[in-house]
C-alpha atoms as a PDB file:
ATOM      1  CA  UNK A   1      61.982 -70.417  43.638  1.00  0.00           C
ATOM      2  CA  UNK A   2      59.919 -67.426  42.651  1.00  0.00           C
ATOM      3  CA  UNK A   3      59.847 -64.919  45.454  1.00  0.00           C
ATOM      4  CA  UNK A   4      57.339 -62.224  45.202  1.00  0.00           C
ATOM      5  CA  UNK A   5      56.805 -59.283  47.592  1.00  0.00           C
ATOM      6  CA  UNK A   6      54.040 -60.068  49.986  1.00  0.00           C
ATOM      7  CA  UNK A   7      51.100 -57.620  50.179  1.00  0.00           C
ATOM      8  CA  UNK A   8      48.339 -58.273  52.992  1.00  0.00           C
ATOM      9  CA  UNK A   9      44.801 -57.311  52.849  1.00  0.00           C
ATOM     10  CA  UNK A  10      41.786 -58.201  55.045  1.00  0.00           C
ATOM     11  CA  UNK A  11      38.111 -59.556  54.026  1.00  0.00           C
ATOM     12  CA  UNK A  12      35.435 -58.066  55.311  1.00  0.00           C
ATOM     13  CA  UNK A  13      33.524 -61.416  56.222  1.00  0.00           C
ATOM     14  CA  UNK A  14      34.848 -60.784  59.715  1.00  0.00           C
ATOM     15  CA  UNK A  15      32.035 -58.075  60.151  1.00  0.00           C
ATOM     16  CA  UNK A  16      29.522 -59.625  58.122  1.00  0.00           C
ATOM     17  CA  UNK A  17      29.202 -62.856  60.041  1.00  0.00           C
ATOM     18  CA  UNK A  18      27.939 -60.423  62.898  1.00  0.00           C
ATOM     19  CA  UNK A  19      24.786 -60.190  60.885  1.00  0.00           C
ATOM     20  CA  UNK A  20      22.688 -57.564  62.692  1.00  0.00           C
ATOM     21  CA  UNK A  21      25.025 -56.988  65.373  1.00  0.00           C
ATOM     22  CA  UNK A  22      27.216 -54.751  62.560  1.00  0.00           C
ATOM     23  CA  UNK A  23      25.124 -51.766  61.827  1.00  0.00           C
ATOM     24  CA  UNK A  24      28.018 -49.566  60.026  1.00  0.00           C
ATOM     25  CA  UNK A  25      28.612 -49.378  56.261  1.00  0.00           C
ATOM     26  CA  UNK A  26      31.518 -50.045  54.043  1.00  0.00           C
ATOM     27  CA  UNK A  27      33.017 -46.592  55.059  1.00  0.00           C
ATOM     28  CA  UNK A  28      33.273 -48.010  58.684  1.00  0.00           C
ATOM     29  CA  UNK A  29      35.255 -51.142  57.200  1.00  0.00           C
ATOM     30  CA  UNK A  30      37.567 -49.234  55.369  1.00  0.00           C
ATOM     31  CA  UNK A  31      38.402 -47.148  58.438  1.00  0.00           C
ATOM     32  CA  UNK A  32      39.010 -50.132  60.534  1.00  0.00           C
ATOM     33  CA  UNK A  33      40.780 -52.126  57.757  1.00  0.00           C
ATOM     34  CA  UNK A  34      43.446 -49.351  57.224  1.00  0.00           C
ATOM     35  CA  UNK A  35      43.744 -48.671  61.175  1.00  0.00           C
ATOM     36  CA  UNK A  36      44.513 -52.095  61.098  1.00  0.00           C
ATOM     37  CA  UNK A  37      47.582 -51.727  59.216  1.00  0.00           C
ATOM     38  CA  UNK A  38      46.427 -53.482  55.833  1.00  0.00           C
ATOM     39  CA  UNK A  39      47.518 -52.499  52.427  1.00  0.00           C
ATOM     40  CA  UNK A  40      44.502 -53.948  50.713  1.00  0.00           C
ATOM     41  CA  UNK A  41      40.711 -55.153  51.310  1.00  0.00           C
ATOM     42  CA  UNK A  42      38.509 -58.027  49.658  1.00  0.00           C
ATOM     43  CA  UNK A  43      34.969 -56.931  49.929  1.00  0.00           C
ATOM     44  CA  UNK A  44      31.829 -58.669  49.149  1.00  0.00           C
ATOM     45  CA  UNK A  45      28.777 -58.037  47.584  1.00  0.00           C
ATOM     46  CA  UNK A  46      26.742 -57.967  51.045  1.00  0.00           C
ATOM     47  CA  UNK A  47      28.998 -55.253  52.303  1.00  0.00           C
ATOM     48  CA  UNK A  48      29.689 -53.097  49.458  1.00  0.00           C
ATOM     49  CA  UNK A  49      26.669 -51.137  50.711  1.00  0.00           C
ATOM     50  CA  UNK A  50      25.990 -47.858  49.037  1.00  0.00           C
ATOM     51  CA  UNK A  51      29.003 -48.194  46.627  1.00  0.00           C
ATOM     52  CA  UNK A  52      27.270 -50.891  44.644  1.00  0.00           C
ATOM     53  CA  UNK A  53      27.282 -49.798  41.219  1.00  0.00           C
ATOM     54  CA  UNK A  54      29.332 -46.648  41.860  1.00  0.00           C
ATOM     55  CA  UNK A  55      32.963 -48.002  41.489  1.00  0.00           C
ATOM     56  CA  UNK A  56      34.554 -44.369  40.696  1.00  0.00           C
ATOM     57  CA  UNK A  57      33.016 -43.612  44.525  1.00  0.00           C
ATOM     58  CA  UNK A  58      34.678 -46.467  45.780  1.00  0.00           C
ATOM     59  CA  UNK A  59      37.933 -45.693  44.273  1.00  0.00           C
ATOM     60  CA  UNK A  60      37.916 -42.625  45.678  1.00  0.00           C
ATOM     61  CA  UNK A  61      37.105 -44.133  49.161  1.00  0.00           C
ATOM     62  CA  UNK A  62      39.811 -46.469  48.653  1.00  0.00           C
ATOM     63  CA  UNK A  63      42.472 -43.950  47.751  1.00  0.00           C
ATOM     64  CA  UNK A  64      41.673 -41.779  50.701  1.00  0.00           C
ATOM     65  CA  UNK A  65      41.963 -44.892  52.874  1.00  0.00           C
ATOM     66  CA  UNK A  66      45.199 -45.795  51.336  1.00  0.00           C
ATOM     67  CA  UNK A  67      43.699 -49.162  50.217  1.00  0.00           C
ATOM     68  CA  UNK A  68      43.833 -51.379  47.144  1.00  0.00           C
ATOM     69  CA  UNK A  69      41.085 -53.371  45.947  1.00  0.00           C
ATOM     70  CA  UNK A  70      42.441 -56.761  46.023  1.00  0.00           C
ATOM     71  CA  UNK A  71      38.969 -58.684  45.000  1.00  0.00           C
ATOM     72  CA  UNK A  72      35.526 -58.571  44.972  1.00  0.00           C
ATOM     73  CA  UNK A  73      34.134 -61.456  45.991  1.00  0.00           C
ATOM     74  CA  UNK A  74      29.959 -62.964  45.814  1.00  0.00           C
ATOM     75  CA  UNK A  75      28.239 -66.106  46.206  1.00  0.00           C
ATOM     76  CA  UNK A  76      24.476 -67.341  45.135  1.00  0.00           C
ATOM     77  CA  UNK A  77      21.781 -68.632  46.828  1.00  0.00           C
ATOM     78  CA  UNK A  78      21.918 -70.794  44.389  1.00  0.00           C
ATOM     79  CA  UNK A  79      25.156 -71.812  45.165  1.00  0.00           C
ATOM     80  CA  UNK A  80      26.125 -72.249  41.489  1.00  0.00           C
ATOM     81  CA  UNK A  81      24.316 -75.511  41.568  1.00  0.00           C
ATOM     82  CA  UNK A  82      20.896 -75.267  39.632  1.00  0.00           C
ATOM     83  CA  UNK A  83      20.758 -75.461  36.209  1.00  0.00           C
ATOM     84  CA  UNK A  84      17.533 -73.076  35.912  1.00  0.00           C
ATOM     85  CA  UNK A  85      19.638 -70.307  37.946  1.00  0.00           C
ATOM     86  CA  UNK A  86      22.806 -70.319  35.908  1.00  0.00           C
ATOM     87  CA  UNK A  87      21.473 -67.301  33.798  1.00  0.00           C
ATOM     88  CA  UNK A  88      21.031 -65.276  36.760  1.00  0.00           C
ATOM     89  CA  UNK A  89      23.901 -66.464  38.213  1.00  0.00           C
ATOM     90  CA  UNK A  90      25.998 -65.272  35.227  1.00  0.00           C
ATOM     91  CA  UNK A  91      24.263 -62.093  35.197  1.00  0.00           C
ATOM     92  CA  UNK A  92      25.351 -61.278  38.315  1.00  0.00           C
ATOM     93  CA  UNK A  93      28.926 -62.388  37.801  1.00  0.00           C
ATOM     94  CA  UNK A  94      29.076 -59.894  34.931  1.00  0.00           C
ATOM     95  CA  UNK A  95      27.706 -57.101  37.217  1.00  0.00           C
ATOM     96  CA  UNK A  96      30.759 -57.510  39.278  1.00  0.00           C
ATOM     97  CA  UNK A  97      33.119 -58.353  36.720  1.00  0.00           C
ATOM     98  CA  UNK A  98      32.117 -54.925  35.493  1.00  0.00           C
ATOM     99  CA  UNK A  99      32.549 -53.348  38.828  1.00  0.00           C
ATOM    100  CA  UNK A 100      36.013 -54.759  39.503  1.00  0.00           C
ATOM    101  CA  UNK A 101      37.166 -53.484  36.035  1.00  0.00           C
ATOM    102  CA  UNK A 102      37.475 -50.420  37.272  1.00  0.00           C
ATOM    103  CA  UNK A 103      40.362 -51.474  39.651  1.00  0.00           C
ATOM    104  CA  UNK A 104      43.611 -52.344  38.094  1.00  0.00           C
ATOM    105  CA  UNK A 105      44.234 -55.932  39.363  1.00  0.00           C
ATOM    106  CA  UNK A 106      41.278 -56.419  41.030  1.00  0.00           C
ATOM    107  CA  UNK A 107      40.164 -59.992  40.614  1.00  0.00           C
ATOM    108  CA  UNK A 108      36.491 -61.477  41.226  1.00  0.00           C
ATOM    109  CA  UNK A 109      35.803 -64.216  43.792  1.00  0.00           C
ATOM    110  CA  UNK A 110      33.328 -66.686  43.501  1.00  0.00           C
ATOM    111  CA  UNK A 111      32.335 -68.957  46.466  1.00  0.00           C
ATOM    112  CA  UNK A 112      31.210 -72.264  46.639  1.00  0.00           C
ATOM    113  CA  UNK A 113      27.672 -73.786  47.300  1.00  0.00           C
ATOM    114  CA  UNK A 114      27.378 -73.439  51.176  1.00  0.00           C
ATOM    115  CA  UNK A 115      23.839 -75.504  51.110  1.00  0.00           C
ATOM    116  CA  UNK A 116      23.891 -77.628  47.957  1.00  0.00           C
ATOM    117  CA  UNK A 117      20.450 -77.751  46.308  1.00  0.00           C
ATOM    118  CA  UNK A 118      18.628 -80.954  46.130  1.00  0.00           C
ATOM    119  CA  UNK A 119      19.082 -83.766  43.857  1.00  0.00           C
ATOM    120  CA  UNK A 120      22.384 -85.944  43.219  1.00  0.00           C
ATOM    121  CA  UNK A 121      25.538 -84.148  44.437  1.00  0.00           C
ATOM    122  CA  UNK A 122      27.765 -85.396  42.026  1.00  0.00           C
ATOM    123  CA  UNK A 123      25.702 -83.566  39.111  1.00  0.00           C
ATOM    124  CA  UNK A 124      25.860 -80.245  41.082  1.00  0.00           C
ATOM    125  CA  UNK A 125      29.820 -80.094  40.068  1.00  0.00           C
ATOM    126  CA  UNK A 126      29.132 -79.884  36.274  1.00  0.00           C
ATOM    127  CA  UNK A 127      26.733 -77.250  37.011  1.00  0.00           C
ATOM    128  CA  UNK A 128      29.008 -75.266  39.098  1.00  0.00           C
ATOM    129  CA  UNK A 129      31.858 -75.600  36.842  1.00  0.00           C
ATOM    130  CA  UNK A 130      29.718 -74.419  33.588  1.00  0.00           C
ATOM    131  CA  UNK A 131      29.007 -71.146  36.026  1.00  0.00           C
ATOM    132  CA  UNK A 132      32.780 -70.948  36.860  1.00  0.00           C
ATOM    133  CA  UNK A 133      33.963 -71.379  33.054  1.00  0.00           C
ATOM    134  CA  UNK A 134      31.618 -69.048  31.775  1.00  0.00           C
ATOM    135  CA  UNK A 135      31.939 -66.497  34.471  1.00  0.00           C
ATOM    136  CA  UNK A 136      35.991 -66.775  33.508  1.00  0.00           C
ATOM    137  CA  UNK A 137      35.222 -65.950  29.783  1.00  0.00           C
ATOM    138  CA  UNK A 138      33.398 -62.759  30.771  1.00  0.00           C
ATOM    139  CA  UNK A 139      36.294 -62.067  32.939  1.00  0.00           C
ATOM    140  CA  UNK A 140      38.744 -62.330  30.297  1.00  0.00           C
ATOM    141  CA  UNK A 141      36.460 -60.185  27.892  1.00  0.00           C
ATOM    142  CA  UNK A 142      36.625 -57.761  30.766  1.00  0.00           C
ATOM    143  CA  UNK A 143      40.617 -57.801  31.736  1.00  0.00           C
ATOM    144  CA  UNK A 144      39.251 -59.423  35.217  1.00  0.00           C
ATOM    145  CA  UNK A 145      40.670 -62.770  36.724  1.00  0.00           C
ATOM    146  CA  UNK A 146      38.000 -64.804  38.151  1.00  0.00           C
ATOM    147  CA  UNK A 147      38.940 -67.321  40.867  1.00  0.00           C
ATOM    148  CA  UNK A 148      36.896 -70.060  42.842  1.00  0.00           C
ATOM    149  CA  UNK A 149      36.643 -69.838  46.855  1.00  0.00           C
ATOM    150  CA  UNK A 150      36.076 -73.322  48.378  1.00  0.00           C
ATOM    151  CA  UNK A 151      34.268 -73.005  51.905  1.00  0.00           C
ATOM    152  CA  UNK A 152      34.093 -75.728  54.409  1.00  0.00           C
ATOM    153  CA  UNK A 153      30.400 -74.377  55.584  1.00  0.00           C
ATOM    154  CA  UNK A 154      27.341 -76.802  56.062  1.00  0.00           C
ATOM    155  CA  UNK A 155      26.985 -78.997  53.300  1.00  0.00           C
ATOM    156  CA  UNK A 156      29.187 -77.291  51.000  1.00  0.00           C
ATOM    157  CA  UNK A 157      29.912 -78.639  47.593  1.00  0.00           C
ATOM    158  CA  UNK A 158      33.575 -77.902  47.768  1.00  0.00           C
ATOM    159  CA  UNK A 159      35.088 -79.839  50.991  1.00  0.00           C
ATOM    160  CA  UNK A 160      37.332 -82.384  51.067  1.00  0.00           C
ATOM    161  CA  UNK A 161      40.352 -83.287  48.513  1.00  0.00           C
ATOM    162  CA  UNK A 162      37.930 -85.698  46.516  1.00  0.00           C
ATOM    163  CA  UNK A 163      35.775 -82.380  45.892  1.00  0.00           C
ATOM    164  CA  UNK A 164      38.822 -80.543  44.950  1.00  0.00           C
ATOM    165  CA  UNK A 165      39.876 -82.753  42.365  1.00  0.00           C
ATOM    166  CA  UNK A 166      36.293 -82.986  40.928  1.00  0.00           C
ATOM    167  CA  UNK A 167      35.938 -79.333  40.420  1.00  0.00           C
ATOM    168  CA  UNK A 168      39.700 -78.690  39.072  1.00  0.00           C
ATOM    169  CA  UNK A 169      38.909 -81.293  36.848  1.00  0.00           C
ATOM    170  CA  UNK A 170      36.306 -79.916  35.102  1.00  0.00           C
ATOM    171  CA  UNK A 171      37.260 -76.067  35.580  1.00  0.00           C
ATOM    172  CA  UNK A 172      39.319 -74.434  32.413  1.00  0.00           C
ATOM    173  CA  UNK A 173      42.731 -73.452  34.238  1.00  0.00           C
ATOM    174  CA  UNK A 174      43.370 -70.804  31.759  1.00  0.00           C
ATOM    175  CA  UNK A 175      39.865 -69.195  32.595  1.00  0.00           C
ATOM    176  CA  UNK A 176      39.476 -69.432  36.254  1.00  0.00           C
ATOM    177  CA  UNK A 177      41.679 -69.451  38.852  1.00  0.00           C
ATOM    178  CA  UNK A 178      41.978 -70.613  42.861  1.00  0.00           C
ATOM    179  CA  UNK A 179      41.732 -68.768  46.054  1.00  0.00           C
ATOM    180  CA  UNK A 180      42.862 -71.256  48.555  1.00  0.00           C
ATOM    181  CA  UNK A 181      41.645 -70.614  51.990  1.00  0.00           C
ATOM    182  CA  UNK A 182      43.941 -72.161  54.739  1.00  0.00           C
ATOM    183  CA  UNK A 183      40.953 -72.754  57.316  1.00  0.00           C
ATOM    184  CA  UNK A 184      38.580 -74.351  55.019  1.00  0.00           C
ATOM    185  CA  UNK A 185      41.132 -76.580  53.514  1.00  0.00           C
ATOM    186  CA  UNK A 186      42.068 -77.703  57.217  1.00  0.00           C
ATOM    187  CA  UNK A 187      38.634 -78.004  57.818  1.00  0.00           C
ATOM    188  CA  UNK A 188      37.935 -80.354  55.257  1.00  0.00           C
ATOM    189  CA  UNK A 189      40.601 -82.622  56.725  1.00  0.00           C
ATOM    190  CA  UNK A 190      42.866 -82.228  53.664  1.00  0.00           C
ATOM    191  CA  UNK A 191      46.875 -82.425  53.580  1.00  0.00           C
ATOM    192  CA  UNK A 192      47.896 -78.540  53.182  1.00  0.00           C
ATOM    193  CA  UNK A 193      50.929 -78.706  51.550  1.00  0.00           C
ATOM    194  CA  UNK A 194      49.997 -81.397  49.346  1.00  0.00           C
ATOM    195  CA  UNK A 195      46.937 -79.600  48.047  1.00  0.00           C
ATOM    196  CA  UNK A 196      48.633 -76.419  47.537  1.00  0.00           C
ATOM    197  CA  UNK A 197      51.511 -78.173  45.574  1.00  0.00           C
ATOM    198  CA  UNK A 198      49.293 -79.967  43.341  1.00  0.00           C
ATOM    199  CA  UNK A 199      47.332 -77.118  42.445  1.00  0.00           C
ATOM    200  CA  UNK A 200      49.624 -74.312  43.061  1.00  0.00           C
ATOM    201  CA  UNK A 201      49.577 -73.106  39.292  1.00  0.00           C
ATOM    202  CA  UNK A 202      46.080 -72.310  39.935  1.00  0.00           C
ATOM    203  CA  UNK A 203      46.713 -70.055  43.111  1.00  0.00           C
ATOM    204  CA  UNK A 204      46.068 -66.246  42.272  1.00  0.00           C
ATOM    205  CA  UNK A 205      46.174 -65.263  46.026  1.00  0.00           C
ATOM    206  CA  UNK A 206      45.478 -66.652  49.511  1.00  0.00           C
ATOM    207  CA  UNK A 207      43.052 -66.617  52.133  1.00  0.00           C
ATOM    208  CA  UNK A 208      44.871 -66.844  55.586  1.00  0.00           C
ATOM    209  CA  UNK A 209      43.316 -67.908  58.577  1.00  0.00           C
ATOM    210  CA  UNK A 210      43.403 -70.815  61.593  1.00  0.00           C
ATOM    211  CA  UNK A 211      41.657 -73.216  63.249  1.00  0.00           C
ATOM    212  CA  UNK A 212      42.413 -75.505  66.229  1.00  0.00           C
ATOM    213  CA  UNK A 213      42.855 -79.246  65.931  1.00  0.00           C
ATOM    214  CA  UNK A 214      38.944 -79.721  66.174  1.00  0.00           C
ATOM    215  CA  UNK A 215      38.377 -77.092  63.136  1.00  0.00           C
ATOM    216  CA  UNK A 216      37.099 -74.558  65.318  1.00  0.00           C
ATOM    217  CA  UNK A 217      38.119 -71.170  63.978  1.00  0.00           C
ATOM    218  CA  UNK A 218      41.106 -69.713  65.731  1.00  0.00           C
ATOM    219  CA  UNK A 219      43.067 -66.426  65.944  1.00  0.00           C
ATOM    220  CA  UNK A 220      46.043 -66.709  63.299  1.00  0.00           C
ATOM    221  CA  UNK A 221      48.852 -68.493  64.838  1.00  0.00           C
ATOM    222  CA  UNK A 222      46.742 -69.951  67.528  1.00  0.00           C
ATOM    223  CA  UNK A 223      45.831 -73.020  65.338  1.00  0.00           C
ATOM    224  CA  UNK A 224      47.426 -75.585  63.442  1.00  0.00           C
ATOM    225  CA  UNK A 225      47.877 -73.964  60.188  1.00  0.00           C
ATOM    226  CA  UNK A 226      51.451 -73.799  59.013  1.00  0.00           C
ATOM    227  CA  UNK A 227      51.323 -70.261  57.976  1.00  0.00           C
ATOM    228  CA  UNK A 228      54.858 -70.133  57.119  1.00  0.00           C
ATOM    229  CA  UNK A 229      54.811 -73.263  54.987  1.00  0.00           C
ATOM    230  CA  UNK A 230      51.672 -71.883  53.177  1.00  0.00           C
ATOM    231  CA  UNK A 231      53.153 -68.601  52.210  1.00  0.00           C
ATOM    232  CA  UNK A 232      56.518 -70.427  51.159  1.00  0.00           C
ATOM    233  CA  UNK A 233      54.318 -72.597  48.468  1.00  0.00           C
ATOM    234  CA  UNK A 234      52.368 -69.854  47.308  1.00  0.00           C
ATOM    235  CA  UNK A 235      55.549 -67.585  46.679  1.00  0.00           C
ATOM    236  CA  UNK A 236      56.573 -70.153  44.652  1.00  0.00           C
ATOM    237  CA  UNK A 237      53.290 -70.606  42.716  1.00  0.00           C
ATOM    238  CA  UNK A 238      53.784 -68.806  39.191  1.00  0.00           C
ATOM    239  CA  UNK A 239      50.377 -66.859  39.120  1.00  0.00           C
ATOM    240  CA  UNK A 240      50.418 -65.869  42.729  1.00  0.00           C
ATOM    241  CA  UNK A 241      49.919 -62.512  43.040  1.00  0.00           C
ATOM    242  CA  UNK A 242      51.594 -61.676  46.190  1.00  0.00           C
ATOM    243  CA  UNK A 243      48.360 -61.112  48.101  1.00  0.00           C
ATOM    244  CA  UNK A 244      47.892 -62.412  51.530  1.00  0.00           C
ATOM    245  CA  UNK A 245      44.178 -61.974  52.562  1.00  0.00           C
ATOM    246  CA  UNK A 246      43.632 -62.290  56.278  1.00  0.00           C
ATOM    247  CA  UNK A 247      39.901 -63.509  57.089  1.00  0.00           C
ATOM    248  CA  UNK A 248      39.222 -63.968  60.854  1.00  0.00           C
ATOM    249  CA  UNK A 249      36.023 -65.602  61.970  1.00  0.00           C
ATOM    250  CA  UNK A 250      36.999 -66.715  65.793  1.00  0.00           C
ATOM    251  CA  UNK A 251      35.029 -65.880  68.665  1.00  0.00           C
ATOM    252  CA  UNK A 252      37.323 -63.150  69.407  1.00  0.00           C
ATOM    253  CA  UNK A 253      36.645 -61.525  66.066  1.00  0.00           C
ATOM    254  CA  UNK A 254      32.864 -61.874  67.082  1.00  0.00           C
ATOM    255  CA  UNK A 255      33.584 -59.893  70.091  1.00  0.00           C
ATOM    256  CA  UNK A 256      36.009 -57.192  68.791  1.00  0.00           C
ATOM    257  CA  UNK A 257      36.453 -57.657  65.094  1.00  0.00           C
ATOM    258  CA  UNK A 258      38.538 -54.296  64.592  1.00  0.00           C
ATOM    259  CA  UNK A 259      40.732 -55.475  67.728  1.00  0.00           C
ATOM    260  CA  UNK A 260      41.006 -59.077  66.181  1.00  0.00           C
ATOM    261  CA  UNK A 261      42.140 -57.919  62.533  1.00  0.00           C
ATOM    262  CA  UNK A 262      44.906 -55.683  64.022  1.00  0.00           C
ATOM    263  CA  UNK A 263      46.168 -58.507  66.256  1.00  0.00           C
ATOM    264  CA  UNK A 264      46.229 -60.600  62.637  1.00  0.00           C
ATOM    265  CA  UNK A 265      48.202 -57.975  60.867  1.00  0.00           C
ATOM    266  CA  UNK A 266      50.834 -57.573  63.945  1.00  0.00           C
ATOM    267  CA  UNK A 267      51.081 -61.746  63.472  1.00  0.00           C
ATOM    268  CA  UNK A 268      51.532 -61.372  60.046  1.00  0.00           C
ATOM    269  CA  UNK A 269      54.801 -59.203  60.657  1.00  0.00           C
ATOM    270  CA  UNK A 270      56.427 -62.138  62.092  1.00  0.00           C
ATOM    271  CA  UNK A 271      56.202 -63.872  58.980  1.00  0.00           C
ATOM    272  CA  UNK A 272      57.723 -60.970  56.954  1.00  0.00           C
ATOM    273  CA  UNK A 273      54.457 -59.781  55.341  1.00  0.00           C
END
């Protein structure tokens, strides 16, 4: 069994989901995440704020906060499912790949459609796969790994196991990795262990979050996610880089995001990370 040194990062969507209720900026996120005891951060295109296009300044801010950039995550209004938007989506991918290239080891995470465009749903898989594969080629040229992050939000393209099987059958595993998200996998009514094991060679890092038996977001360790098993499977995956990224979307986080992510970090210590 491959055993890697586990590192724990935090995703900024915990604040992004607050919308207008969050009036801060990226420096506030860095402080809250560092104060929460994390070693790394995954930030999104929505939350990068004044550091967009300024990787040198962001690197300095990360260093002063004691944080590593684990990954830069972005999505698209097209959901990567519109043929006439492929060019624009790849331009965006290149922008963020070039940004991430300034941070050794940082990946670029591409989301799945959260609102699938009009037209036959099955046709959208080929379009999404084309975007992912071509982004993977851009990443290879820049020395940046690209990975897909499925979701379980309304009308998503990548929801249940059949969807995962479909998209992974079209994606070039040598170009594009996978960021399994435990909460989204569970909300998609999938067998967690089987899904992770089947596609373990694609795992680059892991998004850890929890849900209750009804699929409602829960604080880590308060729901049905078998976190210990997830870590065991990921740790044996050949391309897993050791990063566990916590992303909290529960009502607790909506009330006190900084407090919630700090609590989750304490919970992770119980799993040896």
